[in-house]
Amino acid sequence: MAQERSSIDLPTYLAPLPTRLEAFALRFAWLIVAVNLAGTVFGFWYYRFQLGNTVPVMVPFVPDSPLATLCMVGSIVAWKLGRERSWIHALAFVGNLKYGLWVVVVQLTINDVLTSGDPYYWFLLVGHFGMALQALVIYRYGEFTLPGVGVAALWFGFNDVVDYFVPIVGDYHHTYFGPHLVSAGDHGVPAHDVAATAAVALTVLATALALAIRVRRAQIGGGG
């Protein structure tokens, strides 16, 4: 099994979780795998109607969160089996941080979960916030190589394009999320601008963090 790395050498803005929480997550990694598998199944069930209305070639660009949690499963399993898969680590990091925080933004600003008190929206908020938190542990066992981060940036950047700007094949592919953004056809509502801005900003943020972690590790490795 691959060795996990220390968290002491990274600044708080790159490794914000307490060391004890990181260690707890790594100790129960297989439980996190099980939770993510359950979340993946739920996610595909959630997207079942939208997937049925999507042109087959664009299906991979619709179920954002379940694919991110599936990447998390692949990342942990690769680590546990002692196989370095930088591309899956990068996809899991960027995907879970991006879509985890994106749903939090959507719930707070579009679905107004604090006022509505809708338990289903709270479930989505808490579950997706957990996605973002688990992404912050990946650096402890996985490398973020330039090719790996490049793959993640291209994949999630392209997702943003077909979700909100240029559908290319068929209609726009963002999720049918809540009553304010339920239709893929109406992009004149303010909710679309909020969702699109958050998605693009989080793609940039997550990619930048992955690269910053890589640079910091390289500095430490080179004695810089």
Protein backbone atom coordinates (compact mmCIF):
# COMPACT_ATOMS: atom_id res chain seq x y z
CA MET A 1 0.00 0.00 0.00
CA ALA A 2 1.28 3.49 -0.81
CA GLN A 3 2.47 5.64 2.06
CA GLU A 4 0.38 8.58 3.16
CA ARG A 5 2.12 11.93 3.42
CA SER A 6 2.45 14.46 6.19
CA SER A 7 0.16 17.50 6.42
CA ILE A 8 2.58 19.61 8.46
CA ASP A 9 4.36 21.06 5.45
CA LEU A 10 1.31 22.65 3.80
CA PRO A 11 -0.15 26.05 4.78
CA THR A 12 -3.68 26.22 6.11
CA TYR A 13 -5.15 27.59 2.87
CA LEU A 14 -4.02 24.41 1.11
CA ALA A 15 -4.77 21.98 3.94
CA PRO A 16 -7.56 23.55 6.02
CA LEU A 17 -8.74 20.39 7.77
CA PRO A 18 -7.40 19.52 11.25
CA THR A 19 -4.73 16.82 11.12
CA ARG A 20 -6.81 14.59 13.39
CA LEU A 21 -9.76 14.77 11.01
CA GLU A 22 -7.50 13.89 8.06
CA ALA A 23 -6.09 10.94 9.98
CA PHE A 24 -9.60 9.80 10.93
CA ALA A 25 -10.70 9.90 7.28
CA LEU A 26 -7.65 7.94 6.14
CA ARG A 27 -8.15 5.35 8.88
CA PHE A 28 -11.71 4.72 7.73
CA ALA A 29 -11.01 5.03 4.00
CA TRP A 30 -13.02 1.93 3.10
CA LEU A 31 -16.05 3.37 4.88
CA ILE A 32 -15.65 6.52 2.77
CA VAL A 33 -15.55 4.27 -0.31
CA ALA A 34 -18.85 2.67 0.74
CA VAL A 35 -20.48 6.06 1.39
CA ASN A 36 -19.34 7.34 -2.00
CA LEU A 37 -20.63 4.24 -3.76
CA ALA A 38 -24.02 4.78 -2.11
CA GLY A 39 -23.92 8.44 -3.13
CA THR A 40 -23.05 7.47 -6.68
CA VAL A 41 -26.03 5.14 -6.92
CA PHE A 42 -28.32 7.80 -5.48
CA GLY A 43 -26.88 10.38 -7.88
CA PHE A 44 -27.55 8.30 -10.97
CA TRP A 45 -31.06 7.65 -9.69
CA TYR A 46 -31.52 11.41 -9.21
CA TYR A 47 -30.43 12.06 -12.81
CA ARG A 48 -32.50 9.23 -14.29
CA PHE A 49 -35.04 11.45 -16.07
CA GLN A 50 -32.48 13.93 -17.37
CA LEU A 51 -30.25 11.09 -18.61
CA GLY A 52 -33.23 9.66 -20.48
CA ASN A 53 -33.72 13.01 -22.24
CA THR A 54 -30.06 13.47 -23.15
CA VAL A 55 -28.41 12.67 -26.47
CA PRO A 56 -26.34 9.50 -25.77
CA VAL A 57 -22.99 11.03 -26.75
CA MET A 58 -23.47 13.75 -24.10
CA VAL A 59 -24.59 11.46 -21.27
CA PRO A 60 -21.14 11.50 -19.56
CA PHE A 61 -21.47 15.26 -19.08
CA VAL A 62 -24.78 15.18 -17.21
CA PRO A 63 -24.34 13.28 -13.87
CA ASP A 64 -21.74 15.64 -12.38
CA SER A 65 -21.80 14.75 -8.69
CA PRO A 66 -22.17 10.95 -9.05
CA LEU A 67 -19.22 10.86 -11.44
CA ALA A 68 -17.20 12.93 -8.96
CA THR A 69 -17.98 10.52 -6.12
CA LEU A 70 -17.13 7.61 -8.40
CA CYS A 71 -13.75 9.24 -9.05
CA MET A 72 -13.31 9.49 -5.28
CA VAL A 73 -13.87 5.75 -5.04
CA GLY A 74 -11.28 5.17 -7.75
CA SER A 75 -8.80 7.49 -6.03
CA ILE A 76 -9.02 5.75 -2.65
CA VAL A 77 -8.98 2.25 -4.15
CA ALA A 78 -5.90 3.09 -6.23
CA TRP A 79 -4.14 4.33 -3.11
CA LYS A 80 -5.13 1.30 -1.07
CA LEU A 81 -3.87 -1.02 -3.79
CA GLY A 82 -0.57 0.84 -3.96
CA ARG A 83 -1.08 2.16 -7.48
CA GLU A 84 -0.33 5.78 -8.28
CA ARG A 85 -3.04 7.15 -10.56
CA SER A 86 -2.47 10.88 -10.66
CA TRP A 87 -5.27 11.52 -13.16
CA ILE A 88 -7.92 9.90 -10.97
CA HIS A 89 -6.62 11.76 -7.90
CA ALA A 90 -6.87 15.06 -9.78
CA LEU A 91 -10.34 14.28 -11.14
CA ALA A 92 -11.52 13.31 -7.66
CA PHE A 93 -10.02 16.42 -6.07
CA VAL A 94 -11.32 18.96 -8.59
CA GLY A 95 -14.68 17.21 -9.07
CA ASN A 96 -15.57 16.75 -5.42
CA LEU A 97 -14.38 20.19 -4.37
CA LYS A 98 -16.14 21.85 -7.30
CA TYR A 99 -19.50 20.12 -7.23
CA GLY A 100 -19.53 19.78 -3.45
CA LEU A 101 -19.24 23.55 -3.00
CA TRP A 102 -21.37 24.31 -6.07
CA VAL A 103 -24.38 22.57 -4.55
CA VAL A 104 -23.82 24.44 -1.28
CA VAL A 105 -23.87 27.74 -3.21
CA VAL A 106 -26.99 26.71 -5.12
CA GLN A 107 -28.83 25.65 -1.98
CA LEU A 108 -27.99 28.87 -0.14
CA THR A 109 -28.50 31.37 -2.95
CA ILE A 110 -31.01 29.79 -5.34
CA ASN A 111 -33.06 27.28 -3.36
CA ASP A 112 -32.80 29.45 -0.20
CA VAL A 113 -32.45 26.46 2.09
CA LEU A 114 -32.03 28.59 5.22
CA THR A 115 -35.49 30.10 4.76
CA SER A 116 -37.34 27.16 3.26
CA GLY A 117 -36.03 24.61 5.74
CA ASP A 118 -36.71 21.90 3.16
CA PRO A 119 -35.16 18.70 4.62
CA TYR A 120 -34.34 17.35 1.16
CA TYR A 121 -32.38 20.48 0.27
CA TRP A 122 -30.60 20.25 3.63
CA PHE A 123 -29.73 16.64 2.86
CA LEU A 124 -28.23 17.71 -0.45
CA LEU A 125 -26.34 20.59 1.15
CA VAL A 126 -24.80 18.50 3.92
CA GLY A 127 -23.99 15.57 1.64
CA HIS A 128 -22.30 17.74 -0.97
CA PHE A 129 -20.39 19.71 1.64
CA GLY A 130 -19.01 16.33 2.71
CA MET A 131 -17.85 15.82 -0.88
CA ALA A 132 -15.84 19.03 -0.67
CA LEU A 133 -14.31 18.04 2.66
CA GLN A 134 -13.20 14.61 1.48
CA ALA A 135 -11.44 16.17 -1.51
CA LEU A 136 -9.17 18.02 0.91
CA VAL A 137 -7.71 14.72 2.16
CA ILE A 138 -6.54 13.41 -1.22
CA TYR A 139 -3.22 15.26 -1.10
CA ARG A 140 -2.24 13.06 1.86
CA TYR A 141 -1.88 10.00 -0.36
CA GLY A 142 -2.06 11.14 -4.02
CA GLU A 143 0.17 13.20 -6.31
CA PHE A 144 -1.23 16.01 -8.41
CA THR A 145 0.91 15.83 -11.56
CA LEU A 146 0.69 18.40 -14.35
CA PRO A 147 -0.85 15.90 -16.81
CA GLY A 148 -3.33 14.76 -14.16
CA VAL A 149 -4.41 18.30 -13.27
CA GLY A 150 -4.55 19.12 -16.98
CA VAL A 151 -6.98 16.23 -17.56
CA ALA A 152 -9.18 17.45 -14.69
CA ALA A 153 -9.11 21.08 -15.88
CA LEU A 154 -10.06 20.10 -19.43
CA TRP A 155 -12.84 17.75 -18.32
CA PHE A 156 -14.52 20.09 -15.86
CA GLY A 157 -13.90 23.15 -18.02
CA PHE A 158 -15.59 21.43 -20.94
CA ASN A 159 -18.44 20.50 -18.61
CA ASP A 160 -18.95 24.17 -17.81
CA VAL A 161 -19.03 25.03 -21.52
CA VAL A 162 -21.69 22.47 -22.46
CA ASP A 163 -23.66 23.08 -19.25
CA TYR A 164 -24.05 26.84 -19.53
CA PHE A 165 -22.58 28.35 -22.71
CA VAL A 166 -22.44 26.16 -25.85
CA PRO A 167 -24.40 22.87 -25.72
CA ILE A 168 -22.68 21.56 -28.91
CA VAL A 169 -24.95 18.49 -29.18
CA GLY A 170 -28.59 18.70 -28.09
CA ASP A 171 -29.57 21.08 -25.31
CA TYR A 172 -27.64 22.51 -22.34
CA HIS A 173 -26.54 19.82 -19.90
CA HIS A 174 -26.64 21.42 -16.46
CA THR A 175 -28.67 19.60 -13.84
CA TYR A 176 -32.42 20.08 -13.47
CA PHE A 177 -31.81 21.56 -10.04
CA GLY A 178 -34.65 23.05 -8.06
CA PRO A 179 -37.66 25.10 -9.24
CA HIS A 180 -35.50 28.09 -10.27
CA LEU A 181 -33.28 26.15 -12.68
CA VAL A 182 -35.42 23.20 -13.66
CA SER A 183 -35.42 23.77 -17.40
CA ALA A 184 -32.31 23.41 -19.53
CA GLY A 185 -33.80 25.77 -22.10
CA ASP A 186 -34.39 29.02 -20.17
CA HIS A 187 -31.11 30.76 -19.46
CA GLY A 188 -32.68 34.16 -18.93
CA VAL A 189 -33.33 33.63 -15.23
CA PRO A 190 -30.90 35.06 -12.64
CA ALA A 191 -30.46 31.57 -11.18
CA HIS A 192 -28.63 30.54 -14.35
CA ASP A 193 -26.05 33.30 -13.93
CA VAL A 194 -25.46 32.37 -10.30
CA ALA A 195 -25.06 28.68 -11.12
CA ALA A 196 -22.81 29.33 -14.11
CA THR A 197 -20.60 31.81 -12.27
CA ALA A 198 -20.20 29.45 -9.32
CA ALA A 199 -19.37 26.50 -11.58
CA VAL A 200 -16.68 28.34 -13.54
CA ALA A 201 -15.19 29.99 -10.44
CA LEU A 202 -15.00 26.66 -8.61
CA THR A 203 -13.36 24.94 -11.59
CA VAL A 204 -10.67 27.62 -11.55
CA LEU A 205 -10.34 27.52 -7.75
CA ALA A 206 -10.05 23.74 -7.48
CA THR A 207 -7.55 23.56 -10.34
CA ALA A 208 -5.47 26.36 -8.83
CA LEU A 209 -5.44 24.63 -5.44
CA ALA A 210 -4.29 21.34 -6.99
CA LEU A 211 -1.46 23.14 -8.77
CA ALA A 212 -0.54 25.09 -5.64
CA ILE A 213 -0.30 21.84 -3.66
CA ARG A 214 1.92 20.40 -6.38
CA VAL A 215 4.20 23.45 -6.33
CA ARG A 216 4.47 23.40 -2.54
CA ARG A 217 5.33 19.71 -2.55
CA ALA A 218 7.97 20.29 -5.22
CA GLN A 219 9.52 23.09 -3.16
CA ILE A 220 9.71 20.86 -0.12
CA GLY A 221 11.11 17.94 -2.13
CA GLY A 222 13.76 20.19 -3.66
CA GLY A 223 14.64 21.80 -0.36
CA GLY A 224 13.09 25.12 -1.42
